[in-house]
Structure formats: structure tokens, C-alpha cells
N, C-alpha and C. Protein backbone atom coordinates (compact mmCIF):
# COMPACT_ATOMS: atom_id res chain seq x y z
N MET A 1 42.84 23.97 36.66
CA MET A 1 42.20 22.78 36.22
C MET A 1 41.51 22.95 34.89
N GLY A 2 41.23 24.11 34.51
CA GLY A 2 40.61 24.36 33.23
C GLY A 2 39.24 24.97 33.38
N LYS A 3 38.62 25.26 32.26
CA LYS A 3 37.30 25.87 32.27
C LYS A 3 36.24 24.80 32.50
N PRO A 4 35.15 25.18 33.18
CA PRO A 4 34.08 24.22 33.37
C PRO A 4 33.38 23.93 32.02
N LEU A 5 32.92 22.72 31.88
CA LEU A 5 32.24 22.29 30.66
C LEU A 5 30.84 22.89 30.61
N ASN A 6 30.49 23.50 29.51
CA ASN A 6 29.16 24.06 29.33
C ASN A 6 28.23 22.93 28.90
N VAL A 7 27.28 22.60 29.75
CA VAL A 7 26.39 21.47 29.47
C VAL A 7 24.99 21.92 29.06
N GLU A 8 24.85 23.17 28.72
CA GLU A 8 23.55 23.64 28.26
C GLU A 8 23.23 22.98 26.92
N SER A 9 21.98 22.66 26.73
CA SER A 9 21.61 22.06 25.45
C SER A 9 21.04 23.13 24.52
N ALA A 10 21.47 23.07 23.33
CA ALA A 10 21.00 24.00 22.31
C ALA A 10 19.81 23.38 21.61
N PRO A 11 18.99 24.21 21.01
CA PRO A 11 17.87 23.64 20.25
C PRO A 11 18.40 22.70 19.16
N ALA A 12 17.76 21.56 19.07
CA ALA A 12 18.20 20.56 18.09
C ALA A 12 17.85 21.01 16.68
N LYS A 13 18.79 20.82 15.79
CA LYS A 13 18.53 21.13 14.39
C LYS A 13 17.75 19.97 13.78
N PRO A 14 16.82 20.27 12.91
CA PRO A 14 16.11 19.16 12.25
C PRO A 14 17.09 18.32 11.44
N MET A 15 16.95 17.03 11.56
CA MET A 15 17.84 16.13 10.86
C MET A 15 17.11 15.55 9.66
N ARG A 16 17.77 15.61 8.53
CA ARG A 16 17.17 15.02 7.33
C ARG A 16 17.47 13.54 7.29
N VAL A 17 16.43 12.78 7.19
CA VAL A 17 16.58 11.33 7.09
C VAL A 17 16.47 10.97 5.62
N LYS A 18 17.42 10.21 5.18
CA LYS A 18 17.39 9.77 3.79
C LYS A 18 16.19 8.86 3.59
N PRO A 19 15.34 9.14 2.61
CA PRO A 19 14.16 8.29 2.41
C PRO A 19 14.57 6.89 1.97
N ARG A 20 13.81 5.93 2.45
CA ARG A 20 14.05 4.55 2.05
C ARG A 20 13.67 4.37 0.60
N SER A 21 14.44 3.60 -0.09
CA SER A 21 14.14 3.34 -1.49
C SER A 21 12.81 2.62 -1.61
N ALA A 22 12.08 2.93 -2.65
CA ALA A 22 10.81 2.27 -2.90
C ALA A 22 11.02 0.86 -3.44
N GLU A 23 12.24 0.55 -3.81
CA GLU A 23 12.55 -0.75 -4.38
C GLU A 23 13.11 -1.66 -3.30
N PRO A 24 12.48 -2.83 -3.07
CA PRO A 24 13.01 -3.73 -2.06
C PRO A 24 14.37 -4.30 -2.49
N ASN A 25 15.21 -4.59 -1.52
CA ASN A 25 16.52 -5.16 -1.82
C ASN A 25 16.36 -6.66 -2.02
N LEU A 26 16.53 -7.10 -3.24
CA LEU A 26 16.39 -8.52 -3.55
C LEU A 26 17.75 -9.20 -3.70
N ARG A 27 18.82 -8.50 -3.36
CA ARG A 27 20.15 -9.07 -3.55
C ARG A 27 20.43 -10.24 -2.62
N ASP A 28 19.63 -10.38 -1.55
CA ASP A 28 19.86 -11.50 -0.65
C ASP A 28 19.22 -12.80 -1.16
N GLN A 29 18.51 -12.73 -2.25
CA GLN A 29 17.91 -13.93 -2.83
C GLN A 29 18.98 -14.76 -3.54
N GLN A 30 18.97 -16.06 -3.30
CA GLN A 30 19.93 -16.93 -3.96
C GLN A 30 19.51 -17.11 -5.41
N ARG A 31 20.48 -16.93 -6.30
CA ARG A 31 20.22 -17.04 -7.73
C ARG A 31 20.88 -18.30 -8.27
N VAL A 32 20.25 -18.82 -9.32
CA VAL A 32 20.84 -19.97 -10.01
C VAL A 32 21.02 -19.57 -11.47
N GLU A 33 22.14 -19.98 -12.03
CA GLU A 33 22.40 -19.74 -13.45
C GLU A 33 21.54 -20.70 -14.25
N VAL A 34 20.81 -20.17 -15.22
CA VAL A 34 19.95 -20.99 -16.07
C VAL A 34 20.06 -20.47 -17.50
N SER A 35 19.53 -21.23 -18.41
CA SER A 35 19.40 -20.78 -19.79
C SER A 35 18.04 -21.24 -20.28
N LEU A 36 17.05 -20.39 -20.05
CA LEU A 36 15.67 -20.72 -20.41
C LEU A 36 15.11 -19.63 -21.32
N THR A 37 14.22 -20.03 -22.21
CA THR A 37 13.57 -19.07 -23.09
C THR A 37 12.39 -18.44 -22.35
N VAL A 38 12.27 -17.13 -22.46
CA VAL A 38 11.18 -16.38 -21.82
C VAL A 38 10.50 -15.53 -22.88
N THR A 39 9.18 -15.51 -22.85
CA THR A 39 8.41 -14.62 -23.70
C THR A 39 7.90 -13.49 -22.82
N VAL A 40 8.24 -12.26 -23.20
CA VAL A 40 7.90 -11.09 -22.39
C VAL A 40 7.13 -10.10 -23.25
N ASN A 41 6.14 -9.45 -22.66
CA ASN A 41 5.49 -8.36 -23.38
C ASN A 41 4.94 -7.33 -22.41
N ARG A 42 4.98 -6.08 -22.87
CA ARG A 42 4.33 -5.00 -22.14
C ARG A 42 2.87 -5.00 -22.55
N PRO A 43 1.98 -4.48 -21.71
CA PRO A 43 0.56 -4.44 -22.08
C PRO A 43 0.37 -3.74 -23.43
N GLY A 44 -0.37 -4.39 -24.31
CA GLY A 44 -0.65 -3.82 -25.62
C GLY A 44 0.43 -4.04 -26.66
N GLN A 45 1.49 -4.75 -26.31
CA GLN A 45 2.57 -5.03 -27.27
C GLN A 45 2.63 -6.53 -27.55
N PRO A 46 3.16 -6.89 -28.74
CA PRO A 46 3.30 -8.31 -29.04
C PRO A 46 4.41 -8.93 -28.18
N PRO A 47 4.33 -10.24 -27.93
CA PRO A 47 5.36 -10.92 -27.14
C PRO A 47 6.72 -10.92 -27.84
N ILE A 48 7.77 -10.88 -27.04
CA ILE A 48 9.16 -10.88 -27.52
C ILE A 48 9.90 -11.98 -26.77
N GLU A 49 10.76 -12.71 -27.48
CA GLU A 49 11.55 -13.75 -26.84
C GLU A 49 12.88 -13.22 -26.33
N CYS A 50 13.23 -13.63 -25.11
CA CYS A 50 14.52 -13.30 -24.50
C CYS A 50 15.07 -14.57 -23.86
N GLU A 51 16.29 -14.48 -23.38
CA GLU A 51 16.90 -15.60 -22.67
C GLU A 51 17.05 -15.25 -21.20
N MET A 52 16.55 -16.14 -20.34
CA MET A 52 16.74 -15.97 -18.90
C MET A 52 18.14 -16.49 -18.56
N CYS A 53 18.95 -15.66 -17.90
CA CYS A 53 20.30 -16.11 -17.56
C CYS A 53 20.46 -16.42 -16.08
N ASN A 54 19.57 -15.92 -15.22
CA ASN A 54 19.54 -16.40 -13.85
C ASN A 54 18.14 -16.25 -13.28
N LEU A 55 17.88 -17.03 -12.24
CA LEU A 55 16.54 -17.10 -11.66
C LEU A 55 16.65 -17.18 -10.15
N SER A 56 15.77 -16.48 -9.47
CA SER A 56 15.65 -16.59 -8.01
C SER A 56 14.17 -16.70 -7.69
N ARG A 57 13.88 -16.86 -6.41
CA ARG A 57 12.48 -16.93 -6.00
C ARG A 57 11.76 -15.59 -6.19
N ALA A 58 12.53 -14.52 -6.26
CA ALA A 58 11.94 -13.18 -6.34
C ALA A 58 11.91 -12.61 -7.75
N GLY A 59 12.71 -13.18 -8.67
CA GLY A 59 12.75 -12.61 -10.01
C GLY A 59 13.73 -13.33 -10.91
N MET A 60 14.06 -12.67 -12.01
CA MET A 60 14.96 -13.28 -12.99
C MET A 60 15.75 -12.19 -13.70
N MET A 61 16.85 -12.60 -14.30
CA MET A 61 17.66 -11.69 -15.12
C MET A 61 17.52 -12.16 -16.56
N LEU A 62 17.17 -11.24 -17.45
CA LEU A 62 17.02 -11.56 -18.86
C LEU A 62 18.17 -10.97 -19.65
N ARG A 63 18.63 -11.71 -20.64
CA ARG A 63 19.64 -11.24 -21.58
C ARG A 63 18.90 -10.85 -22.85
N CYS A 64 18.99 -9.57 -23.24
CA CYS A 64 18.24 -9.06 -24.39
C CYS A 64 19.14 -8.29 -25.33
N THR A 65 18.73 -8.23 -26.59
CA THR A 65 19.44 -7.43 -27.58
C THR A 65 19.07 -5.96 -27.41
N ASN A 66 19.79 -5.11 -28.10
CA ASN A 66 19.52 -3.68 -28.10
C ASN A 66 18.09 -3.40 -28.58
N GLU A 67 17.69 -4.07 -29.66
CA GLU A 67 16.36 -3.87 -30.24
C GLU A 67 15.25 -4.29 -29.28
N VAL A 68 15.40 -5.45 -28.66
CA VAL A 68 14.40 -5.93 -27.72
C VAL A 68 14.32 -5.00 -26.50
N THR A 69 15.47 -4.57 -26.02
CA THR A 69 15.51 -3.67 -24.86
C THR A 69 14.80 -2.36 -25.18
N ALA A 70 15.04 -1.82 -26.38
CA ALA A 70 14.39 -0.57 -26.77
C ALA A 70 12.87 -0.73 -26.86
N THR A 71 12.41 -1.92 -27.23
CA THR A 71 10.97 -2.17 -27.30
C THR A 71 10.36 -2.25 -25.91
N LEU A 72 11.05 -2.94 -25.00
CA LEU A 72 10.52 -3.11 -23.65
C LEU A 72 10.69 -1.86 -22.79
N ILE A 73 11.80 -1.13 -23.00
CA ILE A 73 12.08 0.07 -22.21
C ILE A 73 12.34 1.23 -23.16
N PRO A 74 11.31 1.99 -23.49
CA PRO A 74 11.50 3.11 -24.41
C PRO A 74 12.58 4.07 -23.89
N GLY A 75 13.51 4.40 -24.77
CA GLY A 75 14.61 5.29 -24.39
C GLY A 75 15.74 4.57 -23.67
N LYS A 76 15.54 3.31 -23.36
CA LYS A 76 16.54 2.48 -22.66
C LYS A 76 17.08 3.17 -21.41
N ARG A 77 16.18 3.83 -20.68
CA ARG A 77 16.56 4.48 -19.42
C ARG A 77 16.19 3.55 -18.28
N PRO A 78 17.12 3.35 -17.33
CA PRO A 78 16.80 2.48 -16.19
C PRO A 78 15.57 2.99 -15.45
N PRO A 79 14.68 2.08 -15.06
CA PRO A 79 13.48 2.51 -14.34
C PRO A 79 13.85 3.10 -12.98
N ALA A 80 13.18 4.18 -12.61
CA ALA A 80 13.40 4.79 -11.30
C ALA A 80 12.75 3.91 -10.23
N PRO A 81 13.32 3.87 -9.02
CA PRO A 81 12.70 3.08 -7.95
C PRO A 81 11.24 3.48 -7.75
N GLY A 82 10.38 2.48 -7.72
CA GLY A 82 8.96 2.72 -7.57
C GLY A 82 8.24 3.04 -8.86
N ASP A 83 8.97 3.23 -9.94
CA ASP A 83 8.38 3.55 -11.24
C ASP A 83 8.70 2.43 -12.23
N TRP A 84 8.42 1.20 -11.80
CA TRP A 84 8.77 0.04 -12.58
C TRP A 84 7.92 -0.07 -13.83
N ILE A 85 8.40 -0.87 -14.76
CA ILE A 85 7.70 -1.09 -16.03
C ILE A 85 7.00 -2.44 -15.95
N ASP A 86 5.68 -2.42 -16.11
CA ASP A 86 4.89 -3.65 -16.04
C ASP A 86 5.10 -4.50 -17.29
N VAL A 87 5.33 -5.78 -17.08
CA VAL A 87 5.44 -6.74 -18.18
C VAL A 87 4.77 -8.04 -17.77
N HIS A 88 4.48 -8.84 -18.75
CA HIS A 88 3.95 -10.18 -18.53
C HIS A 88 4.98 -11.15 -19.08
N ALA A 89 5.29 -12.18 -18.31
CA ALA A 89 6.31 -13.15 -18.73
C ALA A 89 5.74 -14.56 -18.73
N ARG A 90 6.18 -15.33 -19.72
CA ARG A 90 5.82 -16.75 -19.81
C ARG A 90 7.10 -17.55 -20.02
N PHE A 91 7.25 -18.60 -19.23
CA PHE A 91 8.41 -19.47 -19.37
C PHE A 91 8.09 -20.83 -18.79
N GLU A 92 8.95 -21.79 -19.09
CA GLU A 92 8.76 -23.15 -18.60
C GLU A 92 9.91 -23.53 -17.69
N VAL A 93 9.57 -24.28 -16.63
CA VAL A 93 10.60 -24.85 -15.76
C VAL A 93 10.34 -26.34 -15.65
N PRO A 94 11.42 -27.13 -15.57
CA PRO A 94 11.24 -28.57 -15.42
C PRO A 94 10.76 -28.92 -14.01
N VAL A 95 9.77 -29.81 -13.94
CA VAL A 95 9.30 -30.29 -12.64
C VAL A 95 9.76 -31.72 -12.40
N LEU A 96 9.92 -32.47 -13.47
CA LEU A 96 10.47 -33.82 -13.42
C LEU A 96 11.50 -33.92 -14.54
N ALA A 97 12.20 -35.01 -14.60
CA ALA A 97 13.26 -35.16 -15.60
C ALA A 97 12.75 -34.94 -17.02
N GLN A 98 11.57 -35.43 -17.33
CA GLN A 98 11.04 -35.32 -18.69
C GLN A 98 9.79 -34.46 -18.79
N GLN A 99 9.49 -33.68 -17.76
CA GLN A 99 8.25 -32.91 -17.77
C GLN A 99 8.52 -31.46 -17.36
N THR A 100 7.93 -30.54 -18.11
CA THR A 100 8.04 -29.12 -17.76
C THR A 100 6.64 -28.57 -17.50
N VAL A 101 6.60 -27.45 -16.82
CA VAL A 101 5.34 -26.77 -16.56
C VAL A 101 5.47 -25.34 -17.07
N SER A 102 4.43 -24.86 -17.75
CA SER A 102 4.42 -23.49 -18.27
C SER A 102 3.94 -22.54 -17.18
N LEU A 103 4.69 -21.46 -16.99
CA LEU A 103 4.36 -20.48 -15.96
C LEU A 103 4.03 -19.15 -16.61
N SER A 104 3.13 -18.43 -15.98
CA SER A 104 2.75 -17.11 -16.44
C SER A 104 2.79 -16.18 -15.24
N ALA A 105 3.49 -15.05 -15.38
CA ALA A 105 3.66 -14.15 -14.24
C ALA A 105 3.53 -12.69 -14.66
N ARG A 106 2.96 -11.91 -13.76
CA ARG A 106 2.98 -10.46 -13.91
C ARG A 106 4.25 -10.00 -13.22
N CYS A 107 5.00 -9.12 -13.88
CA CYS A 107 6.32 -8.74 -13.39
C CYS A 107 6.56 -7.24 -13.55
N HIS A 108 7.64 -6.78 -12.94
CA HIS A 108 8.12 -5.42 -13.13
C HIS A 108 9.56 -5.46 -13.61
N ILE A 109 9.89 -4.65 -14.60
CA ILE A 109 11.30 -4.45 -14.95
C ILE A 109 11.82 -3.45 -13.93
N ALA A 110 12.77 -3.88 -13.12
CA ALA A 110 13.26 -3.05 -12.03
C ALA A 110 14.70 -2.61 -12.22
N HIS A 111 15.39 -3.19 -13.21
CA HIS A 111 16.82 -2.91 -13.36
C HIS A 111 17.22 -3.06 -14.82
N LEU A 112 18.13 -2.24 -15.26
CA LEU A 112 18.66 -2.31 -16.63
C LEU A 112 20.16 -2.09 -16.57
N ARG A 113 20.90 -2.97 -17.22
CA ARG A 113 22.36 -2.81 -17.28
C ARG A 113 22.84 -3.21 -18.67
N ARG A 114 23.64 -2.35 -19.27
CA ARG A 114 24.25 -2.67 -20.56
C ARG A 114 25.53 -3.45 -20.27
N VAL A 115 25.67 -4.62 -20.90
CA VAL A 115 26.85 -5.46 -20.67
C VAL A 115 27.74 -5.58 -21.90
N ALA A 116 27.22 -5.23 -23.06
CA ALA A 116 28.00 -5.25 -24.30
C ALA A 116 27.31 -4.31 -25.29
N ARG A 117 27.93 -4.16 -26.44
CA ARG A 117 27.38 -3.23 -27.44
C ARG A 117 25.92 -3.54 -27.78
N ASP A 118 25.61 -4.82 -27.96
CA ASP A 118 24.24 -5.21 -28.31
C ASP A 118 23.68 -6.20 -27.30
N GLU A 119 24.02 -6.03 -26.03
CA GLU A 119 23.49 -6.94 -25.01
C GLU A 119 23.19 -6.17 -23.73
N PHE A 120 21.97 -6.37 -23.25
CA PHE A 120 21.52 -5.74 -22.01
C PHE A 120 21.02 -6.82 -21.07
N HIS A 121 21.16 -6.60 -19.79
CA HIS A 121 20.55 -7.45 -18.78
C HIS A 121 19.42 -6.68 -18.13
N LEU A 122 18.25 -7.30 -18.10
CA LEU A 122 17.08 -6.69 -17.49
C LEU A 122 16.75 -7.45 -16.22
N GLY A 123 16.70 -6.75 -15.11
CA GLY A 123 16.29 -7.35 -13.84
C GLY A 123 14.78 -7.30 -13.73
N ILE A 124 14.19 -8.47 -13.61
CA ILE A 124 12.73 -8.60 -13.59
C ILE A 124 12.31 -9.10 -12.21
N ARG A 125 11.37 -8.40 -11.60
CA ARG A 125 10.86 -8.79 -10.28
C ARG A 125 9.47 -9.39 -10.45
N PHE A 126 9.26 -10.58 -9.87
CA PHE A 126 7.94 -11.21 -9.94
C PHE A 126 6.96 -10.44 -9.05
N VAL A 127 5.77 -10.17 -9.58
CA VAL A 127 4.72 -9.54 -8.79
C VAL A 127 3.73 -10.62 -8.35
N ASP A 128 3.21 -11.38 -9.30
CA ASP A 128 2.37 -12.53 -8.96
C ASP A 128 2.33 -13.50 -10.13
N PHE A 129 2.00 -14.74 -9.80
CA PHE A 129 1.94 -15.83 -10.78
C PHE A 129 0.51 -16.28 -10.94
N ASP A 130 0.22 -16.86 -12.11
CA ASP A 130 -1.04 -17.57 -12.29
C ASP A 130 -0.87 -18.93 -11.63
N GLY A 131 -1.90 -19.39 -10.94
CA GLY A 131 -1.87 -20.72 -10.33
C GLY A 131 -0.75 -20.88 -9.32
N ARG A 132 -0.07 -22.03 -9.39
CA ARG A 132 0.98 -22.37 -8.44
C ARG A 132 2.36 -22.01 -8.96
N GLY A 133 2.46 -21.02 -9.80
CA GLY A 133 3.73 -20.66 -10.42
C GLY A 133 4.85 -20.41 -9.45
N PHE A 134 4.57 -19.68 -8.35
CA PHE A 134 5.63 -19.41 -7.39
C PHE A 134 6.17 -20.70 -6.79
N ASP A 135 5.27 -21.64 -6.49
CA ASP A 135 5.70 -22.93 -5.91
C ASP A 135 6.64 -23.66 -6.86
N TYR A 136 6.32 -23.65 -8.16
CA TYR A 136 7.19 -24.33 -9.13
C TYR A 136 8.56 -23.65 -9.23
N VAL A 137 8.58 -22.32 -9.23
CA VAL A 137 9.87 -21.61 -9.26
C VAL A 137 10.66 -21.92 -7.99
N ASP A 138 9.99 -21.88 -6.85
CA ASP A 138 10.65 -22.17 -5.57
C ASP A 138 11.26 -23.56 -5.57
N GLN A 139 10.51 -24.56 -6.02
CA GLN A 139 11.01 -25.93 -6.06
C GLN A 139 12.18 -26.08 -7.03
N TYR A 140 12.07 -25.44 -8.18
CA TYR A 140 13.13 -25.52 -9.20
C TYR A 140 14.42 -24.88 -8.70
N VAL A 141 14.32 -23.69 -8.13
CA VAL A 141 15.51 -23.01 -7.60
C VAL A 141 16.11 -23.84 -6.46
N HIS A 142 15.27 -24.34 -5.57
CA HIS A 142 15.76 -25.16 -4.46
C HIS A 142 16.49 -26.40 -4.97
N ARG A 143 15.90 -27.06 -5.97
CA ARG A 143 16.52 -28.27 -6.53
C ARG A 143 17.89 -27.95 -7.14
N LEU A 144 17.98 -26.86 -7.91
CA LEU A 144 19.27 -26.50 -8.51
C LEU A 144 20.30 -26.12 -7.46
N LEU A 145 19.88 -25.45 -6.40
CA LEU A 145 20.81 -25.08 -5.34
C LEU A 145 21.31 -26.30 -4.58
N THR A 146 20.43 -27.25 -4.30
CA THR A 146 20.85 -28.44 -3.55
C THR A 146 21.62 -29.42 -4.41
N ASP A 147 21.29 -29.49 -5.71
CA ASP A 147 22.02 -30.39 -6.61
C ASP A 147 23.38 -29.83 -6.97
N GLY A 148 23.52 -28.52 -6.85
CA GLY A 148 24.77 -27.88 -7.26
C GLY A 148 24.96 -27.89 -8.76
N THR A 149 23.85 -27.96 -9.52
CA THR A 149 23.95 -28.03 -10.98
C THR A 149 23.81 -26.67 -11.64
N HIS A 150 23.89 -25.61 -10.90
CA HIS A 150 23.76 -24.27 -11.51
C HIS A 150 25.07 -23.72 -11.79
């Protein structure tokens, strides 16, 4: 019939658990394509204009030139998870057909991707807004998603 099965248990080897990333996964956030002007600056630096190319409730993607990227991210090295680059952003979103509201937010640069010779996309994560900024972004994103105008 064969040899009996040895059912003795051996001492368990320690198992290495892969550490969870310090960066939350924001990929499940619905994004809308937009074309809005954003003024961004790191603490102690003058403001720089960029173009927002998409927006979600959690953050935005900025389209920047090589020069602007080098100013915001010295060395143009992608930020390590948990070692984000603090920036302040100002932009406007429409609340009514003929009315916009100016928003101010503290943010982190969490992602960097080169898309062309002189074009980079910067992933920006919102940390907090002045006033009701989050509510305005939430309403704007919701409106674009339901209207299908993105």
C-alpha cells in the first residue's frame, strides 16, 4: 500500500510579509478629463502655472514642461512612497454656468511620469482644502461624470 505519511510538524520558518506601501491606492477614483489652469508652488518658491489634464475627488494630474518639472521636483526623480513633495495649488472650478470659485489646497506630488521630450505628468494628491474646496471639487467631478461631458 505504500509508506505511511509522516505528519510530524516541523518548526515554522518565519515568513516575510511584504510591507504595505505608504502611498494609498487612488486608482479607484473616477477621473474626469479637464483643461484648467493651476498655479502650483513649493514652500518658499514663486508660483508656477501648469495645466490640469484630469481631476478626481482625491487629486489631479498636471501637464508640465521639463523646466517646470525640474523646479517642482529637483532632479526630476519620482517621489518615493511616503516621501511626497509638499506643494500648494490654486485653481478655479465652475459652480454655475457663468460662475467659478477659486480653490486653494495643500497637496503632495505623489507621481511623476515623462510622456514626451518636454512634457511630464505630475500626479498630485489633495491633502486638505481651504474652506469648502473639497465640496466644490466633489460637485464638479460628479456633474462632469453624470453629464458625460468629460
